[in-house]
N, C-alpha and C. Protein backbone atom coordinates (compact mmCIF):
# COMPACT_ATOMS: atom_id res chain seq x y z
N MET A 1 6.38 -4.53 -5.15
CA MET A 1 5.09 -5.92 -4.82
C MET A 1 4.22 -6.41 -6.49
N ARG A 2 4.00 -7.03 -6.31
CA ARG A 2 3.70 -7.29 -8.50
C ARG A 2 1.98 -6.89 -7.82
N GLN A 3 1.60 -6.29 -9.27
CA GLN A 3 0.63 -5.50 -9.52
C GLN A 3 -0.80 -6.72 -8.59
N THR A 4 -0.39 -7.85 -9.24
CA THR A 4 -1.22 -8.56 -8.65
C THR A 4 -1.69 -8.99 -7.20
N LEU A 5 -0.58 -8.66 -6.47
CA LEU A 5 -0.98 -8.80 -4.90
C LEU A 5 -1.37 -7.24 -4.48
N ARG A 6 -0.92 -6.39 -5.18
CA ARG A 6 -1.50 -5.09 -5.02
C ARG A 6 -2.90 -4.91 -4.98
N LYS A 7 -3.73 -5.03 -5.93
CA LYS A 7 -4.52 -4.96 -6.10
C LYS A 7 -5.45 -6.28 -5.30
N THR A 8 -4.96 -7.32 -4.37
CA THR A 8 -5.44 -8.42 -4.25
C THR A 8 -5.70 -7.54 -2.32
N VAL A 9 -3.89 -6.86 -1.80
CA VAL A 9 -4.40 -5.71 -0.63
C VAL A 9 -5.31 -4.41 -0.70
N ILE A 10 -5.89 -4.34 -1.49
CA ILE A 10 -5.95 -2.76 -2.03
C ILE A 10 -8.09 -3.86 -1.82
N ALA A 11 -8.02 -4.00 -2.33
CA ALA A 11 -9.28 -5.25 -1.92
C ALA A 11 -9.64 -5.43 -0.45
N VAL A 12 -9.09 -6.50 -0.41
CA VAL A 12 -9.53 -6.73 0.94
C VAL A 12 -9.13 -5.83 1.91
N CYS A 13 -7.99 -4.67 1.94
CA CYS A 13 -8.38 -3.80 3.05
C CYS A 13 -9.66 -2.81 2.97
N GLN A 14 -10.10 -2.69 2.01
CA GLN A 14 -11.41 -2.10 1.64
C GLN A 14 -12.22 -3.13 2.20
N ARG A 15 -12.38 -4.36 1.88
CA ARG A 15 -13.83 -5.04 1.92
C ARG A 15 -13.93 -5.11 4.14
N LYS A 16 -12.37 -4.99 4.36
CA LYS A 16 -11.87 -5.26 6.16
C LYS A 16 -12.55 -3.93 6.46
N ILE A 17 -12.68 -2.80 5.89
CA ILE A 17 -12.63 -2.24 6.47
C ILE A 17 -14.64 -1.43 6.70
N GLN A 18 -14.78 -1.93 5.45
CA GLN A 18 -16.30 -2.24 5.52
C GLN A 18 -17.23 -2.51 5.99
N GLN A 19 -16.40 -4.13 6.24
CA GLN A 19 -17.35 -5.21 7.57
C GLN A 19 -16.52 -4.16 9.32
N LYS A 20 -16.10 -4.12 9.24
CA LYS A 20 -15.25 -3.81 10.70
C LYS A 20 -15.05 -2.48 10.57
N GLY A 21 -15.37 -1.12 10.23
CA GLY A 21 -15.21 0.17 10.06
C GLY A 21 -13.75 0.85 10.64
N ASP A 22 -12.91 1.31 10.27
CA ASP A 22 -11.21 2.67 9.67
C ASP A 22 -10.57 1.75 10.92
N ASN A 23 -10.98 1.22 11.80
CA ASN A 23 -10.00 1.28 12.72
C ASN A 23 -9.26 -0.25 12.90
N VAL A 24 -9.84 -1.13 11.76
CA VAL A 24 -10.16 -2.93 11.41
C VAL A 24 -8.40 -2.90 11.44
N GLY A 25 -7.64 -3.77 12.59
CA GLY A 25 -5.59 -4.14 11.92
C GLY A 25 -6.11 -5.56 11.21
N LEU A 26 -4.73 -5.50 10.65
CA LEU A 26 -4.78 -6.89 9.51
C LEU A 26 -3.44 -7.00 10.16
N SER A 27 -3.00 -8.64 9.57
CA SER A 27 -2.00 -9.29 9.18
C SER A 27 -1.54 -9.04 8.10
N PHE A 28 -0.38 -9.77 7.14
CA PHE A 28 -0.01 -9.75 5.69
C PHE A 28 -0.64 -11.73 5.30
N TYR A 29 -0.70 -12.05 6.48
CA TYR A 29 -1.77 -13.22 6.22
C TYR A 29 -3.24 -12.78 5.89
N ALA A 30 -4.34 -11.73 6.04
CA ALA A 30 -5.30 -11.70 5.37
C ALA A 30 -5.53 -11.83 4.63
N PHE A 31 -4.45 -11.56 3.40
CA PHE A 31 -3.95 -11.93 1.41
C PHE A 31 -4.26 -13.21 0.96
N PHE A 32 -4.10 -13.74 2.31
CA PHE A 32 -4.16 -15.23 1.06
C PHE A 32 -5.61 -16.23 1.94
N ALA A 33 -5.12 -17.50 1.49
CA ALA A 33 -6.42 -18.73 2.18
C ALA A 33 -5.30 -19.27 2.93
N ASN A 34 -6.01 -20.35 3.29
CA ASN A 34 -5.76 -19.87 5.14
C ASN A 34 -4.87 -21.50 4.23
N LYS A 35 -4.32 -21.86 3.36
CA LYS A 35 -3.39 -22.76 2.79
C LYS A 35 -2.22 -22.37 2.28
N ASN A 36 -1.18 -23.19 1.91
CA ASN A 36 -0.07 -22.04 1.99
C ASN A 36 0.46 -22.65 -0.27
N ASP A 37 -0.42 -22.60 -0.74
CA ASP A 37 -0.85 -22.87 -2.35
C ASP A 37 -0.11 -21.64 -2.48
N GLN A 38 0.54 -19.87 -2.48
CA GLN A 38 1.10 -19.74 -3.45
C GLN A 38 2.45 -18.99 -2.48
N PRO A 39 3.21 -19.86 -2.18
CA PRO A 39 4.09 -19.42 -1.24
C PRO A 39 5.70 -18.66 -2.14
N GLU A 40 5.65 -18.23 -3.07
CA GLU A 40 6.18 -17.23 -3.77
C GLU A 40 5.34 -15.87 -3.74
N LEU A 41 4.38 -16.04 -3.43
CA LEU A 41 3.49 -15.08 -3.54
C LEU A 41 3.66 -13.89 -1.79
N LEU A 42 3.25 -15.81 -1.24
CA LEU A 42 3.36 -15.12 0.22
C LEU A 42 4.53 -14.54 0.98
N MET A 43 5.64 -14.91 0.45
CA MET A 43 7.06 -14.36 0.94
C MET A 43 7.29 -13.08 0.62
N GLU A 44 6.32 -12.95 -0.46
CA GLU A 44 7.19 -11.02 -1.65
C GLU A 44 5.90 -9.91 0.25
N ALA A 45 4.45 -11.03 0.19
CA ALA A 45 4.23 -10.14 1.34
C ALA A 45 4.96 -10.05 1.87
N ALA A 46 4.84 -10.89 2.96
CA ALA A 46 6.03 -11.25 3.55
C ALA A 46 7.00 -10.29 4.60
N THR A 47 8.12 -10.26 2.63
CA THR A 47 8.82 -9.11 2.85
C THR A 47 8.70 -7.64 2.53
N TRP A 48 7.32 -7.62 2.32
CA TRP A 48 7.27 -6.30 1.86
C TRP A 48 6.76 -5.62 3.02
N TRP A 49 6.15 -6.68 3.48
CA TRP A 49 5.79 -6.33 5.27
C TRP A 49 6.78 -5.58 6.36
N ILE A 50 7.06 -6.46 6.64
CA ILE A 50 8.44 -6.91 7.63
C ILE A 50 9.43 -6.36 7.35
N GLN A 51 10.22 -7.13 6.09
CA GLN A 51 11.17 -6.26 6.11
C GLN A 51 11.64 -4.76 5.31
N THR A 52 10.76 -4.89 4.53
CA THR A 52 10.78 -3.05 3.28
C THR A 52 10.02 -1.97 5.07
N HIS A 53 9.17 -1.73 5.30
CA HIS A 53 8.28 -1.18 5.47
C HIS A 53 8.26 -1.58 7.52
N GLN A 54 9.24 -1.93 7.69
CA GLN A 54 9.49 -3.23 9.82
C GLN A 54 8.43 -3.18 10.13
N LEU A 55 7.06 -2.82 9.40
CA LEU A 55 5.05 -2.97 9.90
C LEU A 55 5.17 -4.47 11.62
N ASP A 56 4.25 -4.13 12.19
CA ASP A 56 4.29 -4.61 13.19
C ASP A 56 3.63 -5.86 12.43
N HIS A 57 2.70 -6.84 13.85
CA HIS A 57 2.84 -8.39 13.32
C HIS A 57 1.01 -7.82 12.45
N PHE A 58 0.27 -7.09 13.67
CA PHE A 58 -1.32 -6.07 12.97
C PHE A 58 -0.60 -4.90 12.81
N GLU A 59 -1.50 -4.16 11.70
CA GLU A 59 -1.49 -2.53 11.06
C GLU A 59 -2.96 -2.41 10.62
N LYS A 60 -2.89 -1.53 11.11
CA LYS A 60 -4.48 -0.81 10.69
C LYS A 60 -4.98 -0.81 9.02
N ALA A 61 -5.44 -1.39 8.34
CA ALA A 61 -5.88 -1.65 6.85
C ALA A 61 -6.19 -0.46 6.29
N VAL A 62 -6.33 1.36 6.88
CA VAL A 62 -6.04 2.22 6.11
C VAL A 62 -5.00 2.57 5.99
N LYS A 63 -3.64 2.18 6.81
CA LYS A 63 -2.69 2.44 6.41
C LYS A 63 -1.74 1.08 5.95
N ILE A 64 -2.31 0.14 5.53
CA ILE A 64 -1.78 -0.28 4.14
C ILE A 64 -2.23 -0.15 3.66
N MET A 65 -3.70 0.45 3.25
CA MET A 65 -3.92 0.67 1.92
C MET A 65 -3.12 1.37 1.36
N ALA A 66 -3.28 2.52 1.76
CA ALA A 66 -2.98 4.11 1.66
C ALA A 66 -1.02 3.53 1.29
N LEU A 67 -0.53 2.84 1.75
CA LEU A 67 1.66 2.89 2.09
C LEU A 67 1.19 1.75 0.59
N VAL A 68 0.55 0.88 -0.43
CA VAL A 68 0.50 0.02 -1.36
C VAL A 68 -0.62 0.75 -2.52
N LYS A 69 -1.15 2.01 -1.92
CA LYS A 69 -1.78 2.66 -3.23
C LYS A 69 -0.59 4.07 -3.28
N ASP A 70 0.44 4.56 -2.58
CA ASP A 70 0.96 5.21 -2.70
C ASP A 70 2.56 4.40 -3.49
N GLY A 71 2.78 3.44 -3.49
CA GLY A 71 3.65 2.52 -4.93
C GLY A 71 4.65 2.06 -3.76
N LYS A 72 4.82 2.48 -2.41
CA LYS A 72 5.91 1.36 -1.66
C LYS A 72 5.75 0.28 -1.36
């Protein structure tokens, strides 16, 4: 996962956790605007989420942030 996407994922996870608590769940769509203006980046996130880590549609933000911070 490219560094810019890592930074976005961490920032979004931190914001959602701050707003809604440690139990908040997200999908990979949470890291993008409602427009498909970055299809390559969206596919990179989807591949990381679905193929690489075989995550469910919604996962806890703390889990996602830990995976990204660990470089996985």
